[in-house]
Amino acid sequence: MAQSAVTRTTPRRPLFRAFHVEATAFLCEIINAAERLREARAFDGSTPFRFDRQHELLATIERCGGAPTFSDLGRRLRISRQAARKLALAAEKRGVVELFTVHDDRRAIQVALTPVGRRALDGARMPQFAWLFTLLGGLEPHVMRETGRVLRVIRQRLERDARERRNARSAR
């Protein structure tokens, strides 16, 4: 084979290297901020955001837009049907959900939020104003909206990717 008469004097640089570095740093900063938010404490020592199983259960029921069954909850929470049942029964004892049977299939049990559960979910979404103001003070509303939009796009793309992966796995 004949070697090319033209030799490169500068080494090849990967395409989009600057973008890759900035994008990686950006995503790492989002991850670090999310971890710090999980660990954050309000002025009184309480957690300003709820990440426990009960809150996750209540939020999942709300996202379902109705009254999911134990199987639906298990699928959405990525736990077994039995584990979802156990969570729902414990939540019923606390009065945040109610259980009832389905008209068509008396064996299936649905889970719905009670007014107490809705208030608990709403309260978990509203951290103390003084804490929020201290954390976000100085950020203009338009900056928060734009950053929220960017984070929402990233979340939606990640959710779409996860959905496509699940569909591809189930198609096999």
C-alpha atoms as a PDB file:
ATOM      1  CA  MET A   1       0.000   0.000   0.000  1.00  0.00           C
ATOM      2  CA  ALA A   2       1.228   3.438  -0.824  1.00  0.00           C
ATOM      3  CA  GLN A   3       1.212   5.924   1.982  1.00  0.00           C
ATOM      4  CA  SER A   4      -0.443   9.265   1.415  1.00  0.00           C
ATOM      5  CA  ALA A   5       1.952  12.049   0.519  1.00  0.00           C
ATOM      6  CA  VAL A   6       0.023  14.460   2.746  1.00  0.00           C
ATOM      7  CA  THR A   7       0.720  14.132   6.458  1.00  0.00           C
ATOM      8  CA  ARG A   8      -1.134  15.927   9.194  1.00  0.00           C
ATOM      9  CA  THR A   9       0.846  18.494  11.119  1.00  0.00           C
ATOM     10  CA  THR A  10      -1.773  18.883  13.849  1.00  0.00           C
ATOM     11  CA  PRO A  11      -3.359  15.988  15.687  1.00  0.00           C
ATOM     12  CA  ARG A  12      -7.020  15.251  15.041  1.00  0.00           C
ATOM     13  CA  ARG A  13      -9.405  16.577  17.624  1.00  0.00           C
ATOM     14  CA  PRO A  14     -12.642  14.790  18.349  1.00  0.00           C
ATOM     15  CA  LEU A  15     -15.683  16.525  16.929  1.00  0.00           C
ATOM     16  CA  PHE A  16     -17.753  18.476  19.451  1.00  0.00           C
ATOM     17  CA  ARG A  17     -15.129  18.108  22.182  1.00  0.00           C
ATOM     18  CA  ALA A  18     -15.962  21.476  23.738  1.00  0.00           C
ATOM     19  CA  PHE A  19     -19.675  20.610  23.680  1.00  0.00           C
ATOM     20  CA  HIS A  20     -18.995  17.203  25.238  1.00  0.00           C
ATOM     21  CA  VAL A  21     -17.020  18.730  28.106  1.00  0.00           C
ATOM     22  CA  GLU A  22     -19.632  21.437  28.776  1.00  0.00           C
ATOM     23  CA  ALA A  23     -22.545  18.990  28.504  1.00  0.00           C
ATOM     24  CA  THR A  24     -20.908  16.555  30.918  1.00  0.00           C
ATOM     25  CA  ALA A  25     -20.135  19.317  33.420  1.00  0.00           C
ATOM     26  CA  PHE A  26     -23.741  20.587  33.122  1.00  0.00           C
ATOM     27  CA  LEU A  27     -25.254  17.150  33.791  1.00  0.00           C
ATOM     28  CA  CYS A  28     -22.863  16.511  36.689  1.00  0.00           C
ATOM     29  CA  GLU A  29     -23.929  19.828  38.228  1.00  0.00           C
ATOM     30  CA  ILE A  30     -27.607  18.800  37.939  1.00  0.00           C
ATOM     31  CA  ILE A  31     -26.834  15.473  39.639  1.00  0.00           C
ATOM     32  CA  ASN A  32     -24.860  17.183  42.414  1.00  0.00           C
ATOM     33  CA  ALA A  33     -27.657  19.705  43.004  1.00  0.00           C
ATOM     34  CA  ALA A  34     -30.247  16.897  43.128  1.00  0.00           C
ATOM     35  CA  GLU A  35     -28.169  14.998  45.697  1.00  0.00           C
ATOM     36  CA  ARG A  36     -27.825  18.141  47.833  1.00  0.00           C
ATOM     37  CA  LEU A  37     -31.602  18.742  47.618  1.00  0.00           C
ATOM     38  CA  ARG A  38     -32.209  15.186  48.862  1.00  0.00           C
ATOM     39  CA  GLU A  39     -29.928  15.880  51.852  1.00  0.00           C
ATOM     40  CA  ALA A  40     -31.200  19.449  52.485  1.00  0.00           C
ATOM     41  CA  ARG A  41     -32.737  20.451  55.798  1.00  0.00           C
ATOM     42  CA  ALA A  42     -35.016  23.387  56.488  1.00  0.00           C
ATOM     43  CA  PHE A  43     -34.291  25.823  59.301  1.00  0.00           C
ATOM     44  CA  ASP A  44     -36.186  23.657  61.790  1.00  0.00           C
ATOM     45  CA  GLY A  45     -34.197  20.553  60.807  1.00  0.00           C
ATOM     46  CA  SER A  46     -37.026  18.937  58.848  1.00  0.00           C
ATOM     47  CA  THR A  47     -36.673  17.824  55.257  1.00  0.00           C
ATOM     48  CA  PRO A  48     -38.088  20.463  52.899  1.00  0.00           C
ATOM     49  CA  PHE A  49     -38.933  17.833  50.277  1.00  0.00           C
ATOM     50  CA  ARG A  50     -40.434  14.394  50.792  1.00  0.00           C
ATOM     51  CA  PHE A  51     -38.717  11.419  49.167  1.00  0.00           C
ATOM     52  CA  ASP A  52     -40.062   8.627  51.374  1.00  0.00           C
ATOM     53  CA  ARG A  53     -42.102   5.633  50.201  1.00  0.00           C
ATOM     54  CA  GLN A  54     -45.422   7.087  51.380  1.00  0.00           C
ATOM     55  CA  HIS A  55     -44.912  10.254  49.364  1.00  0.00           C
ATOM     56  CA  GLU A  56     -43.837   8.203  46.360  1.00  0.00           C
ATOM     57  CA  LEU A  57     -46.997   6.090  46.697  1.00  0.00           C
ATOM     58  CA  LEU A  58     -49.264   9.145  46.958  1.00  0.00           C
ATOM     59  CA  ALA A  59     -47.596  10.873  44.007  1.00  0.00           C
ATOM     60  CA  THR A  60     -47.911   7.704  41.918  1.00  0.00           C
ATOM     61  CA  ILE A  61     -51.619   7.390  42.708  1.00  0.00           C
ATOM     62  CA  GLU A  62     -52.096  11.029  41.708  1.00  0.00           C
ATOM     63  CA  ARG A  63     -50.127  10.556  38.458  1.00  0.00           C
ATOM     64  CA  CYS A  64     -52.341   7.595  37.546  1.00  0.00           C
ATOM     65  CA  GLY A  65     -55.214  10.044  37.350  1.00  0.00           C
ATOM     66  CA  GLY A  66     -57.632   7.627  38.933  1.00  0.00           C
ATOM     67  CA  ALA A  67     -57.615   4.712  41.276  1.00  0.00           C
ATOM     68  CA  PRO A  68     -54.904   2.205  40.321  1.00  0.00           C
ATOM     69  CA  THR A  69     -54.894  -1.431  41.365  1.00  0.00           C
ATOM     70  CA  PHE A  70     -52.086  -3.001  43.374  1.00  0.00           C
ATOM     71  CA  SER A  71     -50.654  -4.370  40.114  1.00  0.00           C
ATOM     72  CA  ASP A  72     -50.692  -0.910  38.504  1.00  0.00           C
ATOM     73  CA  LEU A  73     -48.948   0.587  41.532  1.00  0.00           C
ATOM     74  CA  GLY A  74     -46.349  -2.166  41.572  1.00  0.00           C
ATOM     75  CA  ARG A  75     -45.574  -1.619  37.906  1.00  0.00           C
ATOM     76  CA  ARG A  76     -45.284   2.158  38.264  1.00  0.00           C
ATOM     77  CA  LEU A  77     -43.231   1.981  41.466  1.00  0.00           C
ATOM     78  CA  ARG A  78     -41.107  -0.855  40.029  1.00  0.00           C
ATOM     79  CA  ILE A  79     -41.884  -3.130  42.942  1.00  0.00           C
ATOM     80  CA  SER A  80     -43.829  -6.358  43.233  1.00  0.00           C
ATOM     81  CA  ARG A  81     -47.617  -6.415  43.451  1.00  0.00           C
ATOM     82  CA  GLN A  82     -47.311  -7.725  47.009  1.00  0.00           C
ATOM     83  CA  ALA A  83     -44.986  -4.885  48.035  1.00  0.00           C
ATOM     84  CA  ALA A  84     -47.410  -2.359  46.490  1.00  0.00           C
ATOM     85  CA  ARG A  85     -50.270  -3.996  48.415  1.00  0.00           C
ATOM     86  CA  LYS A  86     -48.297  -3.744  51.660  1.00  0.00           C
ATOM     87  CA  LEU A  87     -47.556  -0.031  51.048  1.00  0.00           C
ATOM     88  CA  ALA A  88     -51.204   0.678  50.231  1.00  0.00           C
ATOM     89  CA  LEU A  89     -52.477  -1.160  53.321  1.00  0.00           C
ATOM     90  CA  ALA A  90     -50.077   0.785  55.555  1.00  0.00           C
ATOM     91  CA  ALA A  91     -51.181   4.048  53.910  1.00  0.00           C
ATOM     92  CA  GLU A  92     -54.821   3.080  54.482  1.00  0.00           C
ATOM     93  CA  LYS A  93     -54.109   2.644  58.201  1.00  0.00           C
ATOM     94  CA  ARG A  94     -52.706   6.188  58.243  1.00  0.00           C
ATOM     95  CA  GLY A  95     -55.860   7.426  56.497  1.00  0.00           C
ATOM     96  CA  VAL A  96     -54.142   8.841  53.403  1.00  0.00           C
ATOM     97  CA  VAL A  97     -55.677   6.358  50.937  1.00  0.00           C
ATOM     98  CA  GLU A  98     -58.868   4.357  50.705  1.00  0.00           C
ATOM     99  CA  LEU A  99     -59.297   0.919  49.180  1.00  0.00           C
ATOM    100  CA  PHE A 100     -62.336  -0.274  47.269  1.00  0.00           C
ATOM    101  CA  THR A 101     -63.252  -3.094  44.929  1.00  0.00           C
ATOM    102  CA  VAL A 102     -63.730  -2.722  41.187  1.00  0.00           C
ATOM    103  CA  HIS A 103     -67.288  -3.051  39.823  1.00  0.00           C
ATOM    104  CA  ASP A 104     -66.357  -5.510  37.067  1.00  0.00           C
ATOM    105  CA  ASP A 105     -63.922  -7.641  39.033  1.00  0.00           C
ATOM    106  CA  ARG A 106     -64.617  -7.968  42.755  1.00  0.00           C
ATOM    107  CA  ARG A 107     -61.182  -9.563  43.231  1.00  0.00           C
ATOM    108  CA  ALA A 108     -59.339  -6.417  42.114  1.00  0.00           C
ATOM    109  CA  ILE A 109     -58.842  -3.665  44.665  1.00  0.00           C
ATOM    110  CA  GLN A 110     -58.261  -0.048  43.709  1.00  0.00           C
ATOM    111  CA  VAL A 111     -56.420   2.589  45.727  1.00  0.00           C
ATOM    112  CA  ALA A 112     -57.539   6.230  45.849  1.00  0.00           C
ATOM    113  CA  LEU A 113     -56.306   9.290  47.707  1.00  0.00           C
ATOM    114  CA  THR A 114     -58.357  10.551  50.626  1.00  0.00           C
ATOM    115  CA  PRO A 115     -58.654  14.295  51.351  1.00  0.00           C
ATOM    116  CA  VAL A 116     -56.002  13.773  54.056  1.00  0.00           C
ATOM    117  CA  GLY A 117     -53.722  12.143  51.461  1.00  0.00           C
ATOM    118  CA  ARG A 118     -54.229  15.023  49.023  1.00  0.00           C
ATOM    119  CA  ARG A 119     -53.362  17.538  51.735  1.00  0.00           C
ATOM    120  CA  ALA A 120     -50.251  15.527  52.662  1.00  0.00           C
ATOM    121  CA  LEU A 121     -49.185  15.475  49.014  1.00  0.00           C
ATOM    122  CA  ASP A 122     -49.827  19.206  48.581  1.00  0.00           C
ATOM    123  CA  GLY A 123     -48.005  19.999  51.816  1.00  0.00           C
ATOM    124  CA  ALA A 124     -44.972  17.995  50.718  1.00  0.00           C
ATOM    125  CA  ARG A 125     -44.788  20.071  47.547  1.00  0.00           C
ATOM    126  CA  MET A 126     -44.685  23.363  49.403  1.00  0.00           C
ATOM    127  CA  PRO A 127     -41.477  23.746  51.407  1.00  0.00           C
ATOM    128  CA  GLN A 128     -41.234  26.583  53.899  1.00  0.00           C
ATOM    129  CA  PHE A 129     -41.212  29.932  52.134  1.00  0.00           C
ATOM    130  CA  ALA A 130     -38.302  31.341  54.177  1.00  0.00           C
ATOM    131  CA  TRP A 131     -36.164  28.323  53.247  1.00  0.00           C
ATOM    132  CA  LEU A 132     -37.064  28.635  49.552  1.00  0.00           C
ATOM    133  CA  PHE A 133     -36.405  32.366  49.582  1.00  0.00           C
ATOM    134  CA  THR A 134     -33.004  31.852  51.195  1.00  0.00           C
ATOM    135  CA  LEU A 135     -32.097  29.116  48.704  1.00  0.00           C
ATOM    136  CA  LEU A 136     -33.323  30.874  45.571  1.00  0.00           C
ATOM    137  CA  GLY A 137     -33.035  34.511  46.634  1.00  0.00           C
ATOM    138  CA  GLY A 138     -31.523  36.650  43.898  1.00  0.00           C
ATOM    139  CA  LEU A 139     -32.689  34.396  41.053  1.00  0.00           C
ATOM    140  CA  GLU A 140     -35.154  36.143  38.790  1.00  0.00           C
ATOM    141  CA  PRO A 141     -38.411  34.326  37.963  1.00  0.00           C
ATOM    142  CA  HIS A 142     -37.589  34.251  34.231  1.00  0.00           C
ATOM    143  CA  VAL A 143     -34.257  32.539  34.983  1.00  0.00           C
ATOM    144  CA  MET A 144     -36.042  29.923  37.120  1.00  0.00           C
ATOM    145  CA  ARG A 145     -38.648  29.376  34.367  1.00  0.00           C
ATOM    146  CA  GLU A 146     -35.977  28.929  31.686  1.00  0.00           C
ATOM    147  CA  THR A 147     -33.919  26.590  33.855  1.00  0.00           C
ATOM    148  CA  GLY A 148     -37.085  24.662  34.706  1.00  0.00           C
ATOM    149  CA  ARG A 149     -37.828  24.324  30.998  1.00  0.00           C
ATOM    150  CA  VAL A 150     -34.338  22.942  30.318  1.00  0.00           C
ATOM    151  CA  LEU A 151     -34.629  20.468  33.202  1.00  0.00           C
ATOM    152  CA  ARG A 152     -38.109  19.409  32.021  1.00  0.00           C
ATOM    153  CA  VAL A 153     -36.780  18.696  28.499  1.00  0.00           C
ATOM    154  CA  ILE A 154     -33.947  16.604  29.947  1.00  0.00           C
ATOM    155  CA  ARG A 155     -36.378  14.704  32.209  1.00  0.00           C
ATOM    156  CA  GLN A 156     -38.795  14.059  29.353  1.00  0.00           C
ATOM    157  CA  ARG A 157     -35.984  12.768  27.134  1.00  0.00           C
ATOM    158  CA  LEU A 158     -34.792  10.453  29.901  1.00  0.00           C
ATOM    159  CA  GLU A 159     -38.350   9.212  30.473  1.00  0.00           C
ATOM    160  CA  ARG A 160     -38.805   8.623  26.734  1.00  0.00           C
ATOM    161  CA  ASP A 161     -35.518   6.721  26.581  1.00  0.00           C
ATOM    162  CA  ALA A 162     -36.528   4.555  29.556  1.00  0.00           C
ATOM    163  CA  ARG A 163     -39.911   3.863  27.939  1.00  0.00           C
ATOM    164  CA  GLU A 164     -38.260   2.890  24.644  1.00  0.00           C
ATOM    165  CA  ARG A 165     -35.847   0.576  26.471  1.00  0.00           C
ATOM    166  CA  ARG A 166     -38.730  -1.111  28.318  1.00  0.00           C
ATOM    167  CA  ASN A 167     -40.654  -1.531  25.060  1.00  0.00           C
ATOM    168  CA  ALA A 168     -37.594  -2.975  23.326  1.00  0.00           C
ATOM    169  CA  ARG A 169     -37.053  -5.432  26.213  1.00  0.00           C
ATOM    170  CA  SER A 170     -40.673  -6.540  26.196  1.00  0.00           C
ATOM    171  CA  ALA A 171     -40.608  -6.950  22.396  1.00  0.00           C
ATOM    172  CA  ARG A 172     -37.780  -9.511  22.627  1.00  0.00           C
END
